[in-house]
Amino acid sequence: MADILSDPGDELGQGNPRSLIFFRILAFIVSVAAVIGVVAAHFQLEGDPLAPALGIGAVVGLALTVHAMLALAQARINSERKLIETVWRTRQAEMREVAGRDELTELQNRRFFYERLHEELQTAERSKKPLSILMLDVDDLKLINDEFGHQVGDQVLRSLGRVLNSEVGEKNVTARIGGDEFAVILPGADRKEADKIAWRIWDQLAKTPVKETASASIFLGVSVGIGGYPWGGETLEEIIHWADAKLYANKLERKGFKHTNRNGKDEARLVAAVVDVLSSALDIRDKMTHRHARRVARMSAFVAREMKLADDQVLQIEYAAALHDIGKIGVADGILFKPEPLEVDEWQEMRRHSELGYKILNRVDFLKDAAEIVYSHHERFDGSGYPRGLAGKEIALGARVFSVVDAYDAMTSRRPYREAMSQEDALEEIMRHSGTQFDPVTVQAFMRMVRRNPDGFRDEHEEFGTRVVETGKNGHQPVGVNVPSKMTPLDTL
């Protein structure tokens, strides 16, 4: 501000309010002084006795005049300063607004999002109110760009931005934080409210194409992950990590945009399609096992993320969890659907499903790591499992992750022949078997995930808005599970 009011390059005061006022006052004082001096000299020459008094009065008057003019000048300077400060603040605000905006979508940008999220988290901590965020990732943007061109891809992103703004409301913050990544801050919203907003976004995108071309109507799919305070973490990093993990798991289930003449060459979609086909085959054979597989796949991915495993490892673990019982396709119906406890030879046949699953998946190049996990998913940390009696780190890491999640899901699921175990009892049972049945490191990662969600870890990973209540028919046990009456839930694994 000082630079604006006293420009060193403006020596003559050109264009500087303070300099202009100073020169004007100086010129006025000189003029008044000259007039008074002439008048005083005239009276002095005439010998007028009032000349001294006139001189003193002139000096006093001149002083008062100068004081008044300086006061007016200061007021003028203050007025000019306030005007300049107002203009400066306005321009700064405009620059901040431009700096915080994404040029393509006119949403807020990544920097603005993280700065605002930090502020909102502090506010939530002080007020003891919830805070939620949505992390969104556009499905198949690359395919849209490849098939229709980047101009259409940009139009799709702009359309998505408008949908997000319309569905989340003005009080919330919507931002584009990457090429195909978006995020929303929902101050004061708990998990259920955030869940509803996510569903509104999905519903709107499903109903209305984001782009019409001469040959196609593009319906955009987005994957969504929800994080929040305090249920998803207490620091910004924890909340973002939680939302990212959920986003990753959800992405595998999204079907993406729909249009005519889809080429189907995207490798990631091909992998997902193969897994979906195999999983669907299991669904046809055994729907209850399929539902269990979907749940443990999601939860296994979250635990793997918590352990900071690489993305490709997380993906293989999730594929393996989704297909861990694929080998049951090769088990005879008489054994798989038998309502009575199995005989010893029948148990041996049932146990072969791990090996059969390995043989099925190992034929697919990009599922070889998942195949090893499937082969080992009934091994125990102390070496008492099957089929190979592996122990400790001999067991694939993914299998060690899966076994904890699988046990938790089995114990907390209701069955026709028993009620579901409470979360507290299930966690106590898992801790009791840490180091014997389960890998202690994996158990600790699992426990951290559970503590982040006090309302129940498993519910947090169900499909948004969808809850599955498993029931049997006619009092029979669910297919593929045969439990002697004296066995504990962990003995079913």
Protein backbone atom coordinates (compact mmCIF):
# COMPACT_ATOMS: atom_id res chain seq x y z
CA MET A 1 0.00 0.00 0.00
CA ALA A 2 2.88 2.35 0.81
CA ASP A 3 4.28 1.70 -2.65
CA ILE A 4 1.00 2.72 -4.21
CA LEU A 5 0.81 5.99 -2.22
CA SER A 6 4.43 7.00 -2.78
CA ASP A 7 5.68 5.76 -6.12
CA PRO A 8 9.46 6.32 -6.20
CA GLY A 9 9.30 6.64 -9.96
CA ASP A 10 6.82 9.57 -9.76
CA GLU A 11 9.20 12.39 -8.73
CA LEU A 12 6.88 15.22 -9.73
CA GLY A 13 3.87 13.66 -8.11
CA GLN A 14 2.16 12.91 -11.41
CA GLY A 15 -0.83 10.69 -10.72
CA ASN A 16 0.00 10.38 -6.97
CA PRO A 17 -2.84 11.73 -4.75
CA ARG A 18 -0.54 12.64 -1.82
CA SER A 19 1.97 14.53 -4.03
CA LEU A 20 -0.72 16.41 -5.94
CA ILE A 21 -2.39 17.60 -2.74
CA PHE A 22 0.96 18.65 -1.26
CA PHE A 23 1.85 20.86 -4.26
CA ARG A 24 -1.60 22.42 -4.33
CA ILE A 25 -1.41 23.34 -0.61
CA LEU A 26 2.10 24.74 -1.02
CA ALA A 27 1.01 26.92 -3.94
CA PHE A 28 -1.97 28.23 -1.96
CA ILE A 29 0.14 29.08 1.10
CA VAL A 30 2.69 30.94 -1.02
CA SER A 31 -0.07 32.94 -2.68
CA VAL A 32 -1.75 33.85 0.62
CA ALA A 33 1.59 34.75 2.19
CA ALA A 34 2.43 37.02 -0.76
CA VAL A 35 -0.90 38.88 -0.52
CA ILE A 36 -0.62 39.36 3.25
CA GLY A 37 2.98 40.50 2.86
CA VAL A 38 1.99 43.17 0.31
CA VAL A 39 -0.89 44.42 2.51
CA ALA A 40 1.27 44.55 5.64
CA ALA A 41 4.03 46.42 3.79
CA HIS A 42 1.49 48.97 2.50
CA PHE A 43 0.18 49.72 6.00
CA GLN A 44 3.71 49.91 7.33
CA LEU A 45 4.67 52.54 4.74
CA GLU A 46 1.57 54.61 5.58
CA GLY A 47 2.57 54.55 9.25
CA ASP A 48 -0.70 52.97 10.23
CA PRO A 49 -0.63 51.98 13.94
CA LEU A 50 -2.64 48.84 13.14
CA ALA A 51 0.17 47.48 10.99
CA PRO A 52 1.75 45.36 13.75
CA ALA A 53 -1.62 43.91 14.79
CA LEU A 54 -2.43 43.27 11.16
CA GLY A 55 0.84 41.44 10.78
CA ILE A 56 0.16 39.29 13.86
CA GLY A 57 -3.41 38.61 12.73
CA ALA A 58 -2.19 37.76 9.28
CA VAL A 59 0.26 35.24 10.71
CA VAL A 60 -2.43 33.68 12.94
CA GLY A 61 -4.91 33.59 10.09
CA LEU A 62 -2.32 32.10 7.83
CA ALA A 63 -1.56 29.42 10.45
CA LEU A 64 -5.24 28.57 10.84
CA THR A 65 -5.65 28.44 7.10
CA VAL A 66 -2.69 26.16 6.74
CA HIS A 67 -4.02 23.91 9.56
CA ALA A 68 -7.43 23.70 7.93
CA MET A 69 -5.95 22.96 4.54
CA LEU A 70 -3.72 20.24 6.00
CA ALA A 71 -6.72 18.66 7.73
CA LEU A 72 -8.63 18.68 4.47
CA ALA A 73 -5.61 17.21 2.70
CA GLN A 74 -5.31 14.42 5.28
CA ALA A 75 -8.99 13.61 4.89
CA ARG A 76 -8.57 13.50 1.14
CA ILE A 77 -5.54 11.24 1.49
CA ASN A 78 -7.42 8.92 3.84
CA SER A 79 -10.31 8.77 1.40
CA GLU A 80 -7.95 7.97 -1.46
CA ARG A 81 -6.21 5.33 0.65
CA LYS A 82 -9.50 3.61 1.54
CA LEU A 83 -10.53 3.62 -2.10
CA ILE A 84 -7.23 2.10 -3.15
CA GLU A 85 -7.43 -0.51 -0.35
CA THR A 86 -10.97 -1.43 -1.40
CA VAL A 87 -9.92 -1.84 -5.01
CA TRP A 88 -6.87 -3.83 -3.93
CA ARG A 89 -8.91 -6.17 -1.72
CA THR A 90 -11.46 -6.65 -4.49
CA ARG A 91 -8.76 -7.53 -6.98
CA GLN A 92 -7.10 -9.88 -4.48
CA ALA A 93 -10.41 -11.64 -3.92
CA GLU A 94 -10.92 -11.93 -7.65
CA MET A 95 -7.41 -13.36 -8.05
CA ARG A 96 -8.02 -15.87 -5.24
CA GLU A 97 -11.31 -16.86 -6.85
CA VAL A 98 -9.61 -17.40 -10.20
CA ALA A 99 -6.72 -19.27 -8.53
CA GLY A 100 -9.18 -21.55 -6.72
CA ARG A 101 -11.26 -22.38 -9.80
CA ASP A 102 -10.91 -25.18 -12.29
CA GLU A 103 -10.89 -23.54 -15.70
CA LEU A 104 -12.69 -26.35 -17.53
CA THR A 105 -15.59 -27.10 -15.18
CA GLU A 106 -15.66 -23.83 -13.19
CA LEU A 107 -15.74 -25.91 -10.01
CA GLN A 108 -13.22 -25.34 -7.24
CA ASN A 109 -9.79 -26.83 -7.85
CA ARG A 110 -7.57 -29.21 -5.93
CA ARG A 111 -5.73 -26.57 -3.88
CA PHE A 112 -8.96 -24.89 -2.84
CA PHE A 113 -10.48 -28.25 -1.89
CA TYR A 114 -7.69 -29.28 0.47
CA GLU A 115 -7.41 -25.82 2.04
CA ARG A 116 -11.16 -25.69 2.62
CA LEU A 117 -11.27 -29.28 3.90
CA HIS A 118 -8.60 -28.41 6.46
CA GLU A 119 -10.69 -25.44 7.63
CA GLU A 120 -13.92 -27.45 7.77
CA LEU A 121 -12.22 -30.23 9.75
CA GLN A 122 -11.05 -27.71 12.35
CA THR A 123 -14.58 -26.31 12.54
CA ALA A 124 -16.04 -29.80 12.95
CA GLU A 125 -13.59 -30.59 15.76
CA ARG A 126 -14.49 -27.39 17.62
CA SER A 127 -18.24 -27.71 17.15
CA LYS A 128 -18.32 -31.50 17.65
CA LYS A 129 -20.35 -31.81 14.46
CA PRO A 130 -19.86 -34.39 11.69
CA LEU A 131 -18.11 -33.73 8.41
CA SER A 132 -18.30 -35.90 5.31
CA ILE A 133 -16.60 -35.93 1.94
CA LEU A 134 -17.29 -37.66 -1.35
CA MET A 135 -14.41 -38.71 -3.58
CA LEU A 136 -15.58 -39.41 -7.12
CA ASP A 137 -13.79 -40.93 -10.08
CA VAL A 138 -15.23 -40.96 -13.60
CA ASP A 139 -15.49 -44.42 -15.07
CA ASP A 140 -13.96 -44.96 -18.52
CA LEU A 141 -13.11 -41.35 -19.35
CA LYS A 142 -10.22 -42.65 -21.46
CA LEU A 143 -12.62 -44.69 -23.60
CA ILE A 144 -14.81 -41.64 -24.11
CA ASN A 145 -11.79 -39.58 -25.17
CA ASP A 146 -10.49 -42.32 -27.46
CA GLU A 147 -13.79 -42.98 -29.17
CA PHE A 148 -15.36 -39.50 -29.29
CA GLY A 149 -12.40 -37.16 -28.90
CA HIS A 150 -11.15 -34.97 -26.07
CA GLN A 151 -13.59 -32.20 -26.91
CA VAL A 152 -16.49 -34.51 -26.10
CA GLY A 153 -14.61 -35.73 -23.04
CA ASP A 154 -14.32 -32.13 -21.83
CA GLN A 155 -18.04 -31.59 -22.40
CA VAL A 156 -18.75 -34.71 -20.36
CA LEU A 157 -16.67 -33.36 -17.47
CA ARG A 158 -18.47 -30.02 -17.60
CA SER A 159 -21.82 -31.81 -17.57
CA LEU A 160 -20.76 -33.85 -14.56
CA GLY A 161 -19.75 -30.64 -12.80
CA ARG A 162 -23.24 -29.22 -13.34
CA VAL A 163 -24.84 -32.42 -12.04
CA LEU A 164 -22.69 -32.34 -8.91
CA ASN A 165 -23.53 -28.70 -8.22
CA SER A 166 -27.24 -29.33 -8.63
CA GLU A 167 -27.29 -32.41 -6.40
CA VAL A 168 -25.03 -31.39 -3.50
CA GLY A 169 -26.44 -27.88 -2.88
CA GLU A 170 -24.88 -24.45 -2.58
CA LYS A 171 -23.70 -24.78 1.02
CA ASN A 172 -21.35 -27.62 0.09
CA VAL A 173 -18.07 -27.40 -1.81
CA THR A 174 -17.66 -29.17 -5.15
CA ALA A 175 -14.22 -29.46 -6.73
CA ARG A 176 -12.35 -31.07 -9.57
CA ILE A 177 -9.14 -32.37 -8.04
CA GLY A 178 -7.67 -34.25 -11.00
CA GLY A 179 -8.24 -35.13 -14.64
CA ASP A 180 -11.22 -37.40 -13.95
CA GLU A 181 -11.36 -36.97 -10.18
CA PHE A 182 -13.91 -34.90 -8.30
CA ALA A 183 -14.59 -34.28 -4.62
CA VAL A 184 -17.32 -32.79 -2.47
CA ILE A 185 -17.11 -31.38 1.06
CA LEU A 186 -20.30 -31.80 3.11
CA PRO A 187 -20.02 -29.75 6.34
CA GLY A 188 -22.36 -30.98 9.05
CA ALA A 189 -23.36 -34.10 7.08
CA ASP A 190 -23.10 -37.50 8.72
CA ARG A 191 -22.50 -40.76 6.88
CA LYS A 192 -26.19 -41.38 6.12
CA GLU A 193 -26.65 -37.92 4.62
CA ALA A 194 -23.52 -38.35 2.51
CA ASP A 195 -24.84 -41.75 1.43
CA LYS A 196 -28.11 -40.18 0.24
CA ILE A 197 -26.26 -37.53 -1.75
CA ALA A 198 -24.12 -40.20 -3.42
CA TRP A 199 -27.27 -42.04 -4.45
CA ARG A 200 -28.85 -38.84 -5.81
CA ILE A 201 -25.79 -38.32 -8.00
CA TRP A 202 -25.93 -41.91 -9.27
CA ASP A 203 -29.66 -41.69 -9.93
CA GLN A 204 -29.34 -38.45 -11.87
CA LEU A 205 -26.49 -39.78 -14.00
CA ALA A 206 -28.42 -42.99 -14.68
CA LYS A 207 -31.53 -41.09 -15.84
CA THR A 208 -29.98 -38.43 -18.04
CA PRO A 209 -27.19 -38.75 -20.62
CA VAL A 210 -24.37 -36.31 -20.01
CA LYS A 211 -23.73 -36.07 -23.73
CA GLU A 212 -25.65 -36.78 -26.92
CA THR A 213 -23.66 -37.42 -30.08
CA ALA A 214 -24.78 -38.31 -33.58
CA SER A 215 -24.19 -41.97 -32.88
CA ALA A 216 -24.65 -42.38 -29.14
CA SER A 217 -26.07 -41.22 -25.85
CA ILE A 218 -23.44 -41.28 -23.13
CA PHE A 219 -24.58 -42.17 -19.65
CA LEU A 220 -21.72 -41.53 -17.30
CA GLY A 221 -20.77 -43.79 -14.43
CA VAL A 222 -18.84 -42.56 -11.41
CA SER A 223 -17.26 -44.49 -8.60
CA VAL A 224 -17.78 -42.93 -5.18
CA GLY A 225 -16.00 -43.24 -1.87
CA ILE A 226 -17.33 -41.64 1.30
CA GLY A 227 -15.12 -40.53 4.17
CA GLY A 228 -15.80 -38.40 7.18
CA TYR A 229 -15.14 -37.13 10.66
CA PRO A 230 -15.21 -38.65 13.20
CA TRP A 231 -16.37 -42.05 11.91
CA GLY A 232 -13.84 -42.32 9.08
CA GLY A 233 -10.84 -40.82 10.85
CA GLU A 234 -9.76 -37.89 12.99
CA THR A 235 -7.12 -36.33 10.76
CA LEU A 236 -7.32 -35.08 7.21
CA GLU A 237 -4.98 -37.84 6.04
CA GLU A 238 -7.09 -40.57 7.68
CA ILE A 239 -10.33 -39.23 6.21
CA ILE A 240 -8.85 -39.00 2.72
CA HIS A 241 -7.33 -42.48 3.05
CA TRP A 242 -10.67 -43.92 4.16
CA ALA A 243 -12.56 -42.30 1.27
CA ASP A 244 -9.91 -43.36 -1.26
CA ALA A 245 -10.06 -46.97 -0.08
CA LYS A 246 -13.83 -47.03 -0.44
CA LEU A 247 -13.56 -45.39 -3.84
CA TYR A 248 -11.12 -48.05 -4.99
CA ALA A 249 -13.42 -50.88 -3.92
CA ASN A 250 -16.47 -49.27 -5.45
CA LYS A 251 -14.71 -48.70 -8.76
CA LEU A 252 -14.54 -52.41 -9.48
CA GLU A 253 -18.32 -52.67 -9.32
CA ARG A 254 -19.23 -49.74 -11.52
CA LYS A 255 -20.48 -50.44 -15.04
CA GLY A 256 -19.47 -47.05 -16.39
CA PHE A 257 -20.99 -45.16 -19.30
CA LYS A 258 -23.22 -46.82 -21.89
CA HIS A 259 -23.25 -46.10 -25.60
CA THR A 260 -23.58 -47.92 -28.89
CA ASN A 261 -20.67 -49.63 -30.65
CA ARG A 262 -18.58 -49.98 -27.55
CA ASN A 263 -15.29 -51.60 -28.53
CA GLY A 264 -14.63 -53.47 -25.26
CA LYS A 265 -10.82 -53.34 -25.64
CA ASP A 266 -10.01 -51.71 -22.33
CA GLU A 267 -7.83 -54.13 -20.39
CA ALA A 268 -9.08 -53.18 -16.95
CA ARG A 269 -12.65 -53.77 -18.03
CA LEU A 270 -11.66 -57.10 -19.55
CA VAL A 271 -10.14 -58.24 -16.26
CA ALA A 272 -13.20 -57.10 -14.33
CA ALA A 273 -15.42 -58.84 -16.87
CA VAL A 274 -13.59 -62.16 -16.46
CA VAL A 275 -13.86 -61.93 -12.69
CA ASP A 276 -17.54 -61.05 -13.02
CA VAL A 277 -18.19 -64.05 -15.28
CA LEU A 278 -16.50 -66.43 -12.85
CA SER A 279 -18.29 -64.83 -9.93
CA SER A 280 -21.60 -65.10 -11.75
CA ALA A 281 -20.98 -68.79 -12.31
CA LEU A 282 -20.59 -69.18 -8.56
CA ASP A 283 -23.75 -67.13 -8.04
CA ILE A 284 -25.73 -69.52 -10.23
CA ARG A 285 -24.45 -72.47 -8.23
CA ASP A 286 -24.65 -70.96 -4.76
CA LYS A 287 -26.18 -67.52 -4.22
CA MET A 288 -25.40 -67.35 -0.51
CA THR A 289 -21.73 -68.08 -1.07
CA HIS A 290 -21.67 -65.44 -3.81
CA ARG A 291 -23.07 -62.76 -1.49
CA HIS A 292 -20.56 -63.66 1.18
CA ALA A 293 -17.80 -63.44 -1.43
CA ARG A 294 -18.81 -59.92 -2.46
CA ARG A 295 -18.70 -58.71 1.15
CA VAL A 296 -15.34 -60.23 2.01
CA ALA A 297 -13.89 -58.93 -1.26
CA ARG A 298 -14.69 -55.36 -0.26
CA MET A 299 -13.47 -55.77 3.29
CA SER A 300 -10.25 -57.53 2.25
CA ALA A 301 -9.40 -54.65 -0.06
CA PHE A 302 -9.84 -52.16 2.78
CA VAL A 303 -7.61 -54.10 5.14
CA ALA A 304 -4.98 -54.44 2.39
CA ARG A 305 -5.09 -50.68 1.88
CA GLU A 306 -4.72 -50.15 5.61
CA MET A 307 -1.55 -52.25 5.41
CA LYS A 308 -0.25 -49.89 2.72
CA LEU A 309 0.02 -52.62 0.09
CA ALA A 310 0.58 -51.68 -3.54
CA ASP A 311 -2.48 -51.18 -5.74
CA ASP A 312 -1.81 -54.30 -7.80
CA GLN A 313 -1.56 -56.38 -4.61
CA VAL A 314 -4.82 -54.93 -3.33
CA LEU A 315 -6.49 -55.76 -6.62
CA GLN A 316 -5.30 -59.39 -6.61
CA ILE A 317 -6.46 -59.79 -3.00
CA GLU A 318 -9.87 -58.43 -3.88
CA TYR A 319 -10.16 -60.72 -6.91
CA ALA A 320 -9.09 -63.70 -4.81
CA ALA A 321 -11.58 -62.87 -2.06
CA ALA A 322 -14.38 -62.54 -4.59
CA LEU A 323 -13.49 -65.93 -6.10
CA HIS A 324 -12.20 -67.79 -3.05
CA ASP A 325 -14.94 -70.43 -3.26
CA ILE A 326 -14.96 -70.76 -7.05
CA GLY A 327 -13.69 -74.33 -6.59
CA LYS A 328 -17.08 -75.32 -5.15
CA ILE A 329 -18.26 -75.47 -8.72
CA GLY A 330 -16.42 -78.81 -8.88
CA VAL A 331 -17.92 -80.20 -5.66
CA ALA A 332 -20.72 -82.71 -6.07
CA ASP A 333 -24.24 -81.44 -5.42
CA GLY A 334 -24.86 -84.21 -2.92
CA ILE A 335 -22.08 -82.83 -0.76
CA LEU A 336 -22.48 -79.12 -1.44
CA PHE A 337 -26.21 -79.06 -0.69
CA LYS A 338 -26.33 -81.76 1.99
CA PRO A 339 -28.37 -80.48 4.98
CA GLU A 340 -26.87 -82.97 7.43
CA PRO A 341 -23.33 -82.92 8.80
CA LEU A 342 -20.78 -84.28 6.33
CA GLU A 343 -19.03 -87.60 6.72
CA VAL A 344 -15.24 -87.67 6.96
CA ASP A 345 -14.77 -88.62 3.30
CA GLU A 346 -17.26 -85.92 2.30
CA TRP A 347 -15.28 -83.33 4.29
CA GLN A 348 -12.18 -84.37 2.41
CA GLU A 349 -13.99 -83.83 -0.86
CA MET A 350 -15.30 -80.44 0.29
CA ARG A 351 -11.79 -79.37 1.27
CA ARG A 352 -10.64 -79.95 -2.28
CA HIS A 353 -12.40 -76.73 -3.35
CA SER A 354 -9.26 -74.72 -2.52
CA GLU A 355 -7.17 -76.79 -4.91
CA LEU A 356 -9.90 -76.80 -7.57
CA GLY A 357 -10.19 -73.02 -7.31
CA TYR A 358 -6.44 -72.69 -7.78
CA LYS A 359 -6.53 -74.82 -10.93
CA ILE A 360 -9.36 -72.75 -12.40
CA LEU A 361 -7.78 -69.34 -11.75
CA ASN A 362 -4.20 -70.32 -12.52
CA ARG A 363 -5.19 -70.79 -16.16
CA VAL A 364 -5.75 -67.01 -16.42
CA ASP A 365 -2.47 -65.07 -16.63
CA PHE A 366 -3.64 -61.97 -14.75
CA LEU A 367 -5.19 -64.07 -11.95
CA LYS A 368 -2.16 -66.21 -11.08
CA ASP A 369 -1.44 -64.27 -7.88
CA ALA A 370 -5.10 -64.48 -6.94
CA ALA A 371 -4.96 -68.22 -7.63
CA GLU A 372 -2.22 -68.68 -5.01
CA ILE A 373 -4.30 -66.76 -2.47
CA VAL A 374 -7.31 -68.97 -3.20
CA TYR A 375 -5.14 -72.07 -2.82
CA SER A 376 -4.02 -70.90 0.64
CA HIS A 377 -7.14 -69.31 2.06
CA HIS A 378 -7.78 -72.17 4.51
CA GLU A 379 -4.21 -72.31 5.78
CA ARG A 380 -3.61 -71.27 9.40
CA PHE A 381 -0.76 -69.17 10.75
CA ASP A 382 0.39 -71.95 13.07
CA GLY A 383 0.47 -74.54 10.26
CA SER A 384 -2.66 -76.46 11.25
CA GLY A 385 -4.69 -75.53 8.19
CA TYR A 386 -5.18 -77.18 4.83
CA PRO A 387 -4.53 -78.25 2.09
CA ARG A 388 -0.73 -77.94 2.40
CA GLY A 389 -0.19 -77.20 6.10
CA LEU A 390 1.67 -73.95 5.42
CA ALA A 391 2.66 -71.71 8.34
CA GLY A 392 3.60 -68.08 8.95
CA LYS A 393 5.01 -66.25 5.95
CA GLU A 394 4.83 -69.41 3.86
CA ILE A 395 1.17 -68.47 3.48
CA ALA A 396 0.49 -65.86 0.78
CA LEU A 397 -0.01 -62.43 2.36
CA GLY A 398 -3.34 -62.04 0.59
CA ALA A 399 -4.54 -65.30 2.12
CA ARG A 400 -3.52 -64.07 5.58
CA VAL A 401 -5.53 -60.89 5.01
CA PHE A 402 -8.54 -62.76 3.69
CA SER A 403 -8.68 -65.32 6.51
CA VAL A 404 -9.27 -62.62 9.15
CA VAL A 405 -12.00 -60.93 7.12
CA ASP A 406 -13.61 -64.26 6.23
CA ALA A 407 -13.79 -65.29 9.89
CA TYR A 408 -15.28 -61.95 10.91
CA ASP A 409 -17.96 -62.10 8.22
CA ALA A 410 -18.83 -65.71 9.06
CA MET A 411 -19.21 -64.97 12.77
CA THR A 412 -21.26 -61.77 12.36
CA SER A 413 -23.63 -63.23 9.75
CA ARG A 414 -26.91 -64.76 10.85
CA ARG A 415 -27.52 -68.37 9.84
CA PRO A 416 -30.68 -70.50 10.06
CA TYR A 417 -28.94 -72.74 12.57
CA ARG A 418 -27.51 -69.93 14.76
CA GLU A 419 -27.79 -66.23 15.47
CA ALA A 420 -25.08 -63.82 14.42
CA MET A 421 -22.32 -63.21 16.92
CA SER A 422 -22.01 -59.63 18.23
CA GLN A 423 -19.20 -57.52 16.89
CA GLU A 424 -17.52 -57.38 20.29
CA ASP A 425 -17.57 -61.16 20.66
CA ALA A 426 -16.32 -61.67 17.09
CA LEU A 427 -13.41 -59.27 17.64
CA GLU A 428 -12.54 -60.96 20.92
CA GLU A 429 -12.52 -64.32 19.17
CA ILE A 430 -10.24 -63.01 16.42
CA MET A 431 -7.84 -61.52 18.97
CA ARG A 432 -7.83 -64.80 20.89
CA HIS A 433 -6.70 -66.64 17.75
CA SER A 434 -4.08 -64.06 16.75
CA GLY A 435 -0.77 -65.85 16.31
CA THR A 436 -2.38 -69.26 15.97
CA GLN A 437 -5.04 -69.12 13.28
CA PHE A 438 -4.36 -65.54 12.15
CA ASP A 439 -1.35 -63.42 11.27
CA PRO A 440 -0.91 -60.90 14.16
CA VAL A 441 0.09 -58.07 11.80
CA THR A 442 -3.05 -58.57 9.73
CA VAL A 443 -5.18 -58.75 12.87
CA GLN A 444 -3.85 -55.38 14.05
CA ALA A 445 -4.61 -53.76 10.67
CA PHE A 446 -8.11 -55.23 10.79
CA MET A 447 -8.68 -53.91 14.31
CA ARG A 448 -7.63 -50.42 13.25
CA MET A 449 -10.20 -50.50 10.48
CA VAL A 450 -12.93 -51.63 12.87
CA ARG A 451 -12.12 -48.88 15.37
CA ARG A 452 -12.51 -46.25 12.67
CA ASN A 453 -16.11 -47.26 12.22
CA PRO A 454 -17.78 -47.59 15.64
CA ASP A 455 -21.12 -48.41 14.03
CA GLY A 456 -19.83 -51.64 12.56
CA PHE A 457 -17.03 -52.29 10.10
CA ARG A 458 -18.97 -54.71 7.96
CA ASP A 459 -21.94 -52.39 7.36
CA GLU A 460 -19.59 -49.71 6.15
CA HIS A 461 -18.54 -51.89 3.23
CA GLU A 462 -21.89 -53.02 1.95
CA GLU A 463 -22.93 -51.61 -1.38
CA PHE A 464 -24.29 -48.07 -0.97
CA GLY A 465 -27.97 -48.14 -0.13
CA THR A 466 -28.15 -51.95 -0.33
CA ARG A 467 -28.31 -54.31 2.59
CA VAL A 468 -28.55 -58.11 2.26
CA VAL A 469 -30.20 -60.21 4.95
CA GLU A 470 -29.19 -63.81 4.49
CA THR A 471 -31.83 -66.42 5.27
CA GLY A 472 -32.13 -70.13 4.59
CA LYS A 473 -35.24 -72.04 3.61
CA ASN A 474 -37.17 -74.63 5.62
CA GLY A 475 -34.64 -74.44 8.44
CA HIS A 476 -31.87 -75.90 6.25
CA GLN A 477 -28.31 -74.73 6.50
CA PRO A 478 -27.04 -72.46 3.69
CA VAL A 479 -25.43 -74.40 0.90
CA GLY A 480 -21.79 -75.29 1.28
CA VAL A 481 -21.72 -74.83 5.08
CA ASN A 482 -22.01 -77.86 7.33
CA VAL A 483 -21.30 -77.28 11.00
CA PRO A 484 -21.28 -79.97 13.70
CA SER A 485 -23.23 -78.71 16.72
CA LYS A 486 -20.20 -78.45 19.03
CA MET A 487 -18.02 -76.48 16.62
CA THR A 488 -17.30 -72.78 17.14
CA PRO A 489 -17.77 -70.23 14.34
CA LEU A 490 -14.05 -70.28 13.63
CA ASP A 491 -14.19 -74.01 13.04
CA THR A 492 -16.38 -73.44 9.97
CA LEU A 493 -13.52 -71.87 8.07
